């Protein structure tokens, strides 16, 4: 049941999201949620066409410089349900949405064996980084106190699940006001599933911090990290001295 509940949201963020509308590559700094130990770096390379972001390429690099995984994302078919492919190289794991049309969402997963499934695209539905697209679009309503109910298509589970987003409180990040959002299952499962918390800048609608389960796994245990990922403007003092180079 843990995979069923936990994988779905992490993939939209820890790797995950185009955290900002900026058109230059940038870093996300991932820490263990409990100990604060530095775990890995997201190397985000947004793809723009005619001034609009249409996708992203991401590398997940461990603190020792080894490659943990990669991701490619295409937002053009549907911002809410994009086409994507995530590979965790050391585990030999792949999950993807290979097509997103009115006829359905085609999912793929490889974990030893390969599995495929098509599910209906109905109601307010998101997948992967489309979660971020939804939260950005609904941010004014969330700030005003509205709760947003939606379904997340989870390629890793070849299924979709009901969730709810709402404002939790306000905070600050790098001296700027931010709003904290809480994401939980929209069912009794909220009492046993880990929650997600996200900090958004209400003016720019940029994601500043994510707290929750990661789509990146510990190479030694195979278990998904529980992380805090911060999108700082400049590298923090405890980041690796030799950060992976940003794409040119």
C-alpha atoms as a PDB file:
ATOM      1  CA  UNK A   1       0.000   0.000   0.000  1.00  0.00           C
ATOM      2  CA  UNK A   2       2.910   2.380   0.591  1.00  0.00           C
ATOM      3  CA  UNK A   3       3.815   2.490  -3.103  1.00  0.00           C
ATOM      4  CA  UNK A   4       0.188   2.941  -3.996  1.00  0.00           C
ATOM      5  CA  UNK A   5      -0.131   5.997  -1.807  1.00  0.00           C
ATOM      6  CA  UNK A   6       3.286   7.525  -1.712  1.00  0.00           C
ATOM      7  CA  UNK A   7       4.751   7.474  -5.193  1.00  0.00           C
ATOM      8  CA  UNK A   8       2.132   9.592  -6.803  1.00  0.00           C
ATOM      9  CA  UNK A   9       2.906  13.037  -5.581  1.00  0.00           C
ATOM     10  CA  UNK A  10       6.606  12.891  -5.325  1.00  0.00           C
ATOM     11  CA  UNK A  11       7.008  12.466  -9.030  1.00  0.00           C
ATOM     12  CA  UNK A  12       5.319  15.788  -9.611  1.00  0.00           C
ATOM     13  CA  UNK A  13       7.868  17.609  -7.552  1.00  0.00           C
ATOM     14  CA  UNK A  14      11.066  15.928  -6.601  1.00  0.00           C
ATOM     15  CA  UNK A  15      12.381  15.971  -9.861  1.00  0.00           C
ATOM     16  CA  UNK A  16      10.158  16.916 -10.744  1.00  0.00           C
ATOM     17  CA  UNK A  17       8.568  20.111 -11.466  1.00  0.00           C
ATOM     18  CA  UNK A  18       9.546  23.040 -13.484  1.00  0.00           C
ATOM     19  CA  UNK A  19       9.766  24.922 -10.210  1.00  0.00           C
ATOM     20  CA  UNK A  20       9.996  28.302 -11.869  1.00  0.00           C
ATOM     21  CA  UNK A  21       9.043  29.993 -15.096  1.00  0.00           C
ATOM     22  CA  UNK A  22      12.620  31.156 -15.552  1.00  0.00           C
ATOM     23  CA  UNK A  23      14.100  30.236 -18.933  1.00  0.00           C
ATOM     24  CA  UNK A  24      17.562  29.343 -17.630  1.00  0.00           C
ATOM     25  CA  UNK A  25      18.722  26.057 -16.069  1.00  0.00           C
ATOM     26  CA  UNK A  26      18.666  26.011 -12.266  1.00  0.00           C
ATOM     27  CA  UNK A  27      19.201  23.786  -9.229  1.00  0.00           C
ATOM     28  CA  UNK A  28      16.981  22.192  -6.613  1.00  0.00           C
ATOM     29  CA  UNK A  29      18.744  21.240  -3.362  1.00  0.00           C
ATOM     30  CA  UNK A  30      17.391  18.075  -1.720  1.00  0.00           C
ATOM     31  CA  UNK A  31      17.851  17.300   1.986  1.00  0.00           C
ATOM     32  CA  UNK A  32      16.721  14.429   4.202  1.00  0.00           C
ATOM     33  CA  UNK A  33      13.517  15.659   5.803  1.00  0.00           C
ATOM     34  CA  UNK A  34      14.420  14.458   9.302  1.00  0.00           C
ATOM     35  CA  UNK A  35      18.201  14.727   9.621  1.00  0.00           C
ATOM     36  CA  UNK A  36      18.829  17.632   7.240  1.00  0.00           C
ATOM     37  CA  UNK A  37      21.582  15.652   5.472  1.00  0.00           C
ATOM     38  CA  UNK A  38      22.239  16.751   1.900  1.00  0.00           C
ATOM     39  CA  UNK A  39      21.025  13.995  -0.443  1.00  0.00           C
ATOM     40  CA  UNK A  40      21.061  15.068  -4.073  1.00  0.00           C
ATOM     41  CA  UNK A  41      20.793  17.924  -6.530  1.00  0.00           C
ATOM     42  CA  UNK A  42      18.131  18.453  -9.164  1.00  0.00           C
ATOM     43  CA  UNK A  43      19.601  19.927 -12.344  1.00  0.00           C
ATOM     44  CA  UNK A  44      16.616  21.506 -14.072  1.00  0.00           C
ATOM     45  CA  UNK A  45      16.828  22.460 -17.749  1.00  0.00           C
ATOM     46  CA  UNK A  46      13.539  24.066 -18.872  1.00  0.00           C
ATOM     47  CA  UNK A  47      12.668  23.962 -22.582  1.00  0.00           C
ATOM     48  CA  UNK A  48      11.054  27.056 -24.094  1.00  0.00           C
ATOM     49  CA  UNK A  49       9.443  27.779 -27.467  1.00  0.00           C
ATOM     50  CA  UNK A  50       8.327  31.280 -28.447  1.00  0.00           C
ATOM     51  CA  UNK A  51       8.768  32.449 -24.861  1.00  0.00           C
ATOM     52  CA  UNK A  52       6.596  29.683 -23.386  1.00  0.00           C
ATOM     53  CA  UNK A  53       7.832  26.702 -21.416  1.00  0.00           C
ATOM     54  CA  UNK A  54       6.941  23.498 -23.273  1.00  0.00           C
ATOM     55  CA  UNK A  55       8.975  20.966 -21.333  1.00  0.00           C
ATOM     56  CA  UNK A  56      11.919  20.225 -19.137  1.00  0.00           C
ATOM     57  CA  UNK A  57      14.934  17.935 -18.823  1.00  0.00           C
ATOM     58  CA  UNK A  58      16.056  16.947 -15.334  1.00  0.00           C
ATOM     59  CA  UNK A  59      19.041  15.108 -13.879  1.00  0.00           C
ATOM     60  CA  UNK A  60      19.159  13.859 -10.294  1.00  0.00           C
ATOM     61  CA  UNK A  61      22.749  13.852  -9.053  1.00  0.00           C
ATOM     62  CA  UNK A  62      23.846  12.407  -5.688  1.00  0.00           C
ATOM     63  CA  UNK A  63      26.021  14.429  -3.316  1.00  0.00           C
ATOM     64  CA  UNK A  64      29.023  12.328  -4.423  1.00  0.00           C
ATOM     65  CA  UNK A  65      28.428  13.282  -8.063  1.00  0.00           C
ATOM     66  CA  UNK A  66      26.933   9.969  -9.234  1.00  0.00           C
ATOM     67  CA  UNK A  67      23.851  10.003 -11.449  1.00  0.00           C
ATOM     68  CA  UNK A  68      20.680   8.786  -9.733  1.00  0.00           C
ATOM     69  CA  UNK A  69      18.220   9.321 -12.546  1.00  0.00           C
ATOM     70  CA  UNK A  70      16.884  11.425 -15.387  1.00  0.00           C
ATOM     71  CA  UNK A  71      13.579  12.775 -16.547  1.00  0.00           C
ATOM     72  CA  UNK A  72      12.179  14.287 -19.739  1.00  0.00           C
ATOM     73  CA  UNK A  73       8.909  16.205 -19.751  1.00  0.00           C
ATOM     74  CA  UNK A  74       6.717  17.498 -22.609  1.00  0.00           C
ATOM     75  CA  UNK A  75       3.956  19.903 -21.580  1.00  0.00           C
ATOM     76  CA  UNK A  76       2.627  20.517 -25.100  1.00  0.00           C
ATOM     77  CA  UNK A  77      -0.028  17.770 -25.202  1.00  0.00           C
ATOM     78  CA  UNK A  78      -1.600  18.904 -21.910  1.00  0.00           C
ATOM     79  CA  UNK A  79      -0.104  21.082 -19.181  1.00  0.00           C
ATOM     80  CA  UNK A  80      -2.080  19.178 -16.550  1.00  0.00           C
ATOM     81  CA  UNK A  81      -1.305  15.688 -17.901  1.00  0.00           C
ATOM     82  CA  UNK A  82       2.049  15.977 -19.691  1.00  0.00           C
ATOM     83  CA  UNK A  83       3.982  13.277 -21.478  1.00  0.00           C
ATOM     84  CA  UNK A  84       7.052  12.309 -19.453  1.00  0.00           C
ATOM     85  CA  UNK A  85       9.636   9.590 -18.838  1.00  0.00           C
ATOM     86  CA  UNK A  86      11.537   9.075 -15.563  1.00  0.00           C
ATOM     87  CA  UNK A  87      14.432   6.618 -15.282  1.00  0.00           C
ATOM     88  CA  UNK A  88      16.248   5.649 -12.074  1.00  0.00           C
ATOM     89  CA  UNK A  89      19.467   4.302 -13.508  1.00  0.00           C
ATOM     90  CA  UNK A  90      20.779   2.290 -10.553  1.00  0.00           C
ATOM     91  CA  UNK A  91      17.461   0.516  -9.974  1.00  0.00           C
ATOM     92  CA  UNK A  92      16.700  -0.052 -13.651  1.00  0.00           C
ATOM     93  CA  UNK A  93      13.281   1.503 -13.024  1.00  0.00           C
ATOM     94  CA  UNK A  94      11.266   3.436 -15.617  1.00  0.00           C
ATOM     95  CA  UNK A  95       7.850   5.063 -15.453  1.00  0.00           C
ATOM     96  CA  UNK A  96       6.207   7.192 -18.117  1.00  0.00           C
ATOM     97  CA  UNK A  97       3.102   8.634 -19.652  1.00  0.00           C
ATOM     98  CA  UNK A  98       3.575   7.955 -23.349  1.00  0.00           C
ATOM     99  CA  UNK A  99       0.424   9.691 -24.637  1.00  0.00           C
ATOM    100  CA  UNK A 100      -2.093  12.153 -23.209  1.00  0.00           C
ATOM    101  CA  UNK A 101      -5.179  12.721 -25.370  1.00  0.00           C
ATOM    102  CA  UNK A 102      -8.938  13.040 -25.000  1.00  0.00           C
ATOM    103  CA  UNK A 103      -9.094   9.295 -25.659  1.00  0.00           C
ATOM    104  CA  UNK A 104      -7.083   8.520 -22.539  1.00  0.00           C
ATOM    105  CA  UNK A 105      -3.767   8.509 -20.703  1.00  0.00           C
ATOM    106  CA  UNK A 106      -1.307   5.825 -21.768  1.00  0.00           C
ATOM    107  CA  UNK A 107       0.981   4.724 -18.914  1.00  0.00           C
ATOM    108  CA  UNK A 108       4.113   2.609 -18.856  1.00  0.00           C
ATOM    109  CA  UNK A 109       6.149   1.093 -16.029  1.00  0.00           C
ATOM    110  CA  UNK A 110       9.260  -1.075 -16.051  1.00  0.00           C
ATOM    111  CA  UNK A 111      10.401  -2.652 -12.803  1.00  0.00           C
ATOM    112  CA  UNK A 112      11.786  -6.014 -13.791  1.00  0.00           C
ATOM    113  CA  UNK A 113       8.803  -6.625 -16.068  1.00  0.00           C
ATOM    114  CA  UNK A 114       7.095  -4.098 -18.349  1.00  0.00           C
ATOM    115  CA  UNK A 115       3.451  -3.091 -17.895  1.00  0.00           C
ATOM    116  CA  UNK A 116       1.180  -0.742 -19.838  1.00  0.00           C
ATOM    117  CA  UNK A 117      -2.300   0.588 -19.217  1.00  0.00           C
ATOM    118  CA  UNK A 118      -4.628   3.274 -20.590  1.00  0.00           C
ATOM    119  CA  UNK A 119      -6.998   5.085 -18.220  1.00  0.00           C
ATOM    120  CA  UNK A 120      -9.735   7.603 -18.989  1.00  0.00           C
ATOM    121  CA  UNK A 121      -8.964  11.297 -18.735  1.00  0.00           C
ATOM    122  CA  UNK A 122     -11.984  12.624 -16.855  1.00  0.00           C
ATOM    123  CA  UNK A 123     -12.737  15.446 -14.459  1.00  0.00           C
ATOM    124  CA  UNK A 124      -9.964  17.607 -13.065  1.00  0.00           C
ATOM    125  CA  UNK A 125      -6.968  15.318 -13.517  1.00  0.00           C
ATOM    126  CA  UNK A 126      -3.227  15.896 -13.353  1.00  0.00           C
ATOM    127  CA  UNK A 127      -0.080  13.826 -13.670  1.00  0.00           C
ATOM    128  CA  UNK A 128       3.529  14.392 -12.709  1.00  0.00           C
ATOM    129  CA  UNK A 129       4.545  18.037 -13.201  1.00  0.00           C
ATOM    130  CA  UNK A 130       0.991  18.812 -14.269  1.00  0.00           C
ATOM    131  CA  UNK A 131       0.336  18.991 -10.534  1.00  0.00           C
ATOM    132  CA  UNK A 132       2.493  22.111 -10.437  1.00  0.00           C
ATOM    133  CA  UNK A 133       0.652  23.579 -13.423  1.00  0.00           C
ATOM    134  CA  UNK A 134      -2.650  23.077 -11.592  1.00  0.00           C
ATOM    135  CA  UNK A 135      -1.413  24.640  -8.349  1.00  0.00           C
ATOM    136  CA  UNK A 136      -0.015  27.659 -10.193  1.00  0.00           C
ATOM    137  CA  UNK A 137      -3.315  28.210 -12.017  1.00  0.00           C
ATOM    138  CA  UNK A 138      -5.394  27.727  -8.853  1.00  0.00           C
ATOM    139  CA  UNK A 139      -3.071  29.627  -6.501  1.00  0.00           C
ATOM    140  CA  UNK A 140      -5.295  32.739  -6.115  1.00  0.00           C
ATOM    141  CA  UNK A 141      -8.259  30.530  -5.182  1.00  0.00           C
ATOM    142  CA  UNK A 142      -6.134  28.511  -2.757  1.00  0.00           C
ATOM    143  CA  UNK A 143      -4.815  31.681  -1.118  1.00  0.00           C
ATOM    144  CA  UNK A 144      -8.417  32.866  -0.738  1.00  0.00           C
ATOM    145  CA  UNK A 145      -9.193  29.698   1.237  1.00  0.00           C
ATOM    146  CA  UNK A 146     -10.735  27.472  -1.416  1.00  0.00           C
ATOM    147  CA  UNK A 147      -9.949  23.744  -1.344  1.00  0.00           C
ATOM    148  CA  UNK A 148      -9.221  22.142  -4.731  1.00  0.00           C
ATOM    149  CA  UNK A 149     -10.165  18.504  -5.360  1.00  0.00           C
ATOM    150  CA  UNK A 150      -8.568  16.613  -8.231  1.00  0.00           C
ATOM    151  CA  UNK A 151      -7.272  13.229  -9.352  1.00  0.00           C
ATOM    152  CA  UNK A 152      -3.656  12.322  -9.991  1.00  0.00           C
ATOM    153  CA  UNK A 153      -2.783   9.819 -12.704  1.00  0.00           C
ATOM    154  CA  UNK A 154       0.180   7.851 -11.357  1.00  0.00           C
ATOM    155  CA  UNK A 155       2.255   6.055 -13.962  1.00  0.00           C
ATOM    156  CA  UNK A 156       4.095   4.109 -11.272  1.00  0.00           C
ATOM    157  CA  UNK A 157       0.767   2.567 -10.183  1.00  0.00           C
ATOM    158  CA  UNK A 158      -0.975   2.529 -13.599  1.00  0.00           C
ATOM    159  CA  UNK A 159      -3.953   4.158 -11.892  1.00  0.00           C
ATOM    160  CA  UNK A 160      -5.411   7.465 -10.625  1.00  0.00           C
ATOM    161  CA  UNK A 161      -6.222   8.675  -7.094  1.00  0.00           C
ATOM    162  CA  UNK A 162      -8.246  11.477  -5.468  1.00  0.00           C
ATOM    163  CA  UNK A 163      -6.450  14.299  -3.662  1.00  0.00           C
ATOM    164  CA  UNK A 164      -7.155  17.714  -2.204  1.00  0.00           C
ATOM    165  CA  UNK A 165      -5.033  20.874  -2.006  1.00  0.00           C
ATOM    166  CA  UNK A 166      -5.619  23.720   0.455  1.00  0.00           C
ATOM    167  CA  UNK A 167      -3.778  26.607   2.062  1.00  0.00           C
ATOM    168  CA  UNK A 168      -2.181  25.794   5.414  1.00  0.00           C
ATOM    169  CA  UNK A 169      -0.553  29.096   6.432  1.00  0.00           C
ATOM    170  CA  UNK A 170       1.877  31.812   5.341  1.00  0.00           C
ATOM    171  CA  UNK A 171       5.642  31.882   5.850  1.00  0.00           C
ATOM    172  CA  UNK A 172       8.765  33.494   4.426  1.00  0.00           C
ATOM    173  CA  UNK A 173      11.484  32.171   2.129  1.00  0.00           C
ATOM    174  CA  UNK A 174      14.669  34.114   1.374  1.00  0.00           C
ATOM    175  CA  UNK A 175      13.002  37.207   2.810  1.00  0.00           C
ATOM    176  CA  UNK A 176       9.869  36.971   0.664  1.00  0.00           C
ATOM    177  CA  UNK A 177       6.322  36.145   1.687  1.00  0.00           C
ATOM    178  CA  UNK A 178       5.230  32.654   0.642  1.00  0.00           C
ATOM    179  CA  UNK A 179       2.078  30.600   1.077  1.00  0.00           C
ATOM    180  CA  UNK A 180       2.239  27.028   2.376  1.00  0.00           C
ATOM    181  CA  UNK A 181      -0.040  24.504   0.671  1.00  0.00           C
ATOM    182  CA  UNK A 182      -1.051  21.155   2.134  1.00  0.00           C
ATOM    183  CA  UNK A 183      -1.751  18.198  -0.168  1.00  0.00           C
ATOM    184  CA  UNK A 184      -3.578  15.133   1.171  1.00  0.00           C
ATOM    185  CA  UNK A 185      -5.577  12.183  -0.162  1.00  0.00           C
ATOM    186  CA  UNK A 186      -9.235  13.127  -0.533  1.00  0.00           C
ATOM    187  CA  UNK A 187     -10.395  10.122   1.489  1.00  0.00           C
ATOM    188  CA  UNK A 188      -9.824   8.346   4.804  1.00  0.00           C
ATOM    189  CA  UNK A 189      -6.376   7.469   3.472  1.00  0.00           C
ATOM    190  CA  UNK A 190      -5.266  10.927   4.600  1.00  0.00           C
ATOM    191  CA  UNK A 191      -4.928   9.511   8.119  1.00  0.00           C
ATOM    192  CA  UNK A 192      -2.222   7.021   7.095  1.00  0.00           C
ATOM    193  CA  UNK A 193      -0.558   8.575   4.040  1.00  0.00           C
ATOM    194  CA  UNK A 194       2.255  11.120   4.402  1.00  0.00           C
ATOM    195  CA  UNK A 195       1.252  14.686   3.656  1.00  0.00           C
ATOM    196  CA  UNK A 196       2.998  17.044   1.284  1.00  0.00           C
ATOM    197  CA  UNK A 197       3.737  20.692   1.970  1.00  0.00           C
ATOM    198  CA  UNK A 198       4.764  23.206  -0.668  1.00  0.00           C
ATOM    199  CA  UNK A 199       5.821  26.844  -0.468  1.00  0.00           C
ATOM    200  CA  UNK A 200       4.770  29.131  -3.325  1.00  0.00           C
ATOM    201  CA  UNK A 201       5.566  32.762  -3.958  1.00  0.00           C
ATOM    202  CA  UNK A 202       2.095  34.353  -4.331  1.00  0.00           C
ATOM    203  CA  UNK A 203       3.359  37.031  -6.722  1.00  0.00           C
ATOM    204  CA  UNK A 204       5.517  35.019  -9.125  1.00  0.00           C
ATOM    205  CA  UNK A 205       3.722  31.686  -8.458  1.00  0.00           C
ATOM    206  CA  UNK A 206       7.138  29.998  -8.346  1.00  0.00           C
ATOM    207  CA  UNK A 207       7.603  26.896  -6.239  1.00  0.00           C
ATOM    208  CA  UNK A 208      10.169  27.648  -3.536  1.00  0.00           C
ATOM    209  CA  UNK A 209      10.198  24.514  -1.403  1.00  0.00           C
ATOM    210  CA  UNK A 210       8.760  21.001  -1.356  1.00  0.00           C
ATOM    211  CA  UNK A 211       8.478  18.707   1.681  1.00  0.00           C
ATOM    212  CA  UNK A 212       7.413  15.095   1.338  1.00  0.00           C
ATOM    213  CA  UNK A 213       8.280  11.848  -0.366  1.00  0.00           C
ATOM    214  CA  UNK A 214      10.652  11.925  -3.323  1.00  0.00           C
ATOM    215  CA  UNK A 215      10.454  10.074  -6.615  1.00  0.00           C
ATOM    216  CA  UNK A 216      14.195   9.465  -6.184  1.00  0.00           C
ATOM    217  CA  UNK A 217      15.217   6.370  -4.243  1.00  0.00           C
ATOM    218  CA  UNK A 218      18.138   5.586  -1.982  1.00  0.00           C
ATOM    219  CA  UNK A 219      20.467   3.393  -4.124  1.00  0.00           C
ATOM    220  CA  UNK A 220      21.374   1.324  -1.060  1.00  0.00           C
ATOM    221  CA  UNK A 221      17.869   0.550   0.215  1.00  0.00           C
ATOM    222  CA  UNK A 222      15.683   1.084  -2.845  1.00  0.00           C
ATOM    223  CA  UNK A 223      13.293   3.154  -0.722  1.00  0.00           C
ATOM    224  CA  UNK A 224      12.078   6.605  -1.738  1.00  0.00           C
ATOM    225  CA  UNK A 225      13.687   9.478   0.137  1.00  0.00           C
ATOM    226  CA  UNK A 226      11.649  11.732   2.411  1.00  0.00           C
ATOM    227  CA  UNK A 227      12.942  15.147   1.447  1.00  0.00           C
ATOM    228  CA  UNK A 228      12.935  18.892   1.711  1.00  0.00           C
ATOM    229  CA  UNK A 229      13.818  20.365  -1.688  1.00  0.00           C
ATOM    230  CA  UNK A 230      14.636  24.069  -1.723  1.00  0.00           C
ATOM    231  CA  UNK A 231      14.938  26.205  -4.851  1.00  0.00           C
ATOM    232  CA  UNK A 232      17.355  28.830  -3.559  1.00  0.00           C
ATOM    233  CA  UNK A 233      18.560  31.696  -5.726  1.00  0.00           C
ATOM    234  CA  UNK A 234      22.178  30.889  -4.849  1.00  0.00           C
ATOM    235  CA  UNK A 235      23.735  27.573  -3.719  1.00  0.00           C
ATOM    236  CA  UNK A 236      23.475  27.100   0.058  1.00  0.00           C
ATOM    237  CA  UNK A 237      26.712  26.722   2.069  1.00  0.00           C
ATOM    238  CA  UNK A 238      26.121  23.004   2.667  1.00  0.00           C
ATOM    239  CA  UNK A 239      25.621  22.132  -1.004  1.00  0.00           C
ATOM    240  CA  UNK A 240      28.374  19.989  -2.600  1.00  0.00           C
ATOM    241  CA  UNK A 241      31.448  22.024  -3.476  1.00  0.00           C
ATOM    242  CA  UNK A 242      31.422  20.675  -7.010  1.00  0.00           C
ATOM    243  CA  UNK A 243      27.798  20.972  -8.075  1.00  0.00           C
ATOM    244  CA  UNK A 244      26.959  19.265 -11.377  1.00  0.00           C
ATOM    245  CA  UNK A 245      27.297  21.783 -14.212  1.00  0.00           C
ATOM    246  CA  UNK A 246      24.184  23.509 -15.464  1.00  0.00           C
ATOM    247  CA  UNK A 247      23.355  22.876 -19.137  1.00  0.00           C
ATOM    248  CA  UNK A 248      24.440  25.632 -21.482  1.00  0.00           C
END
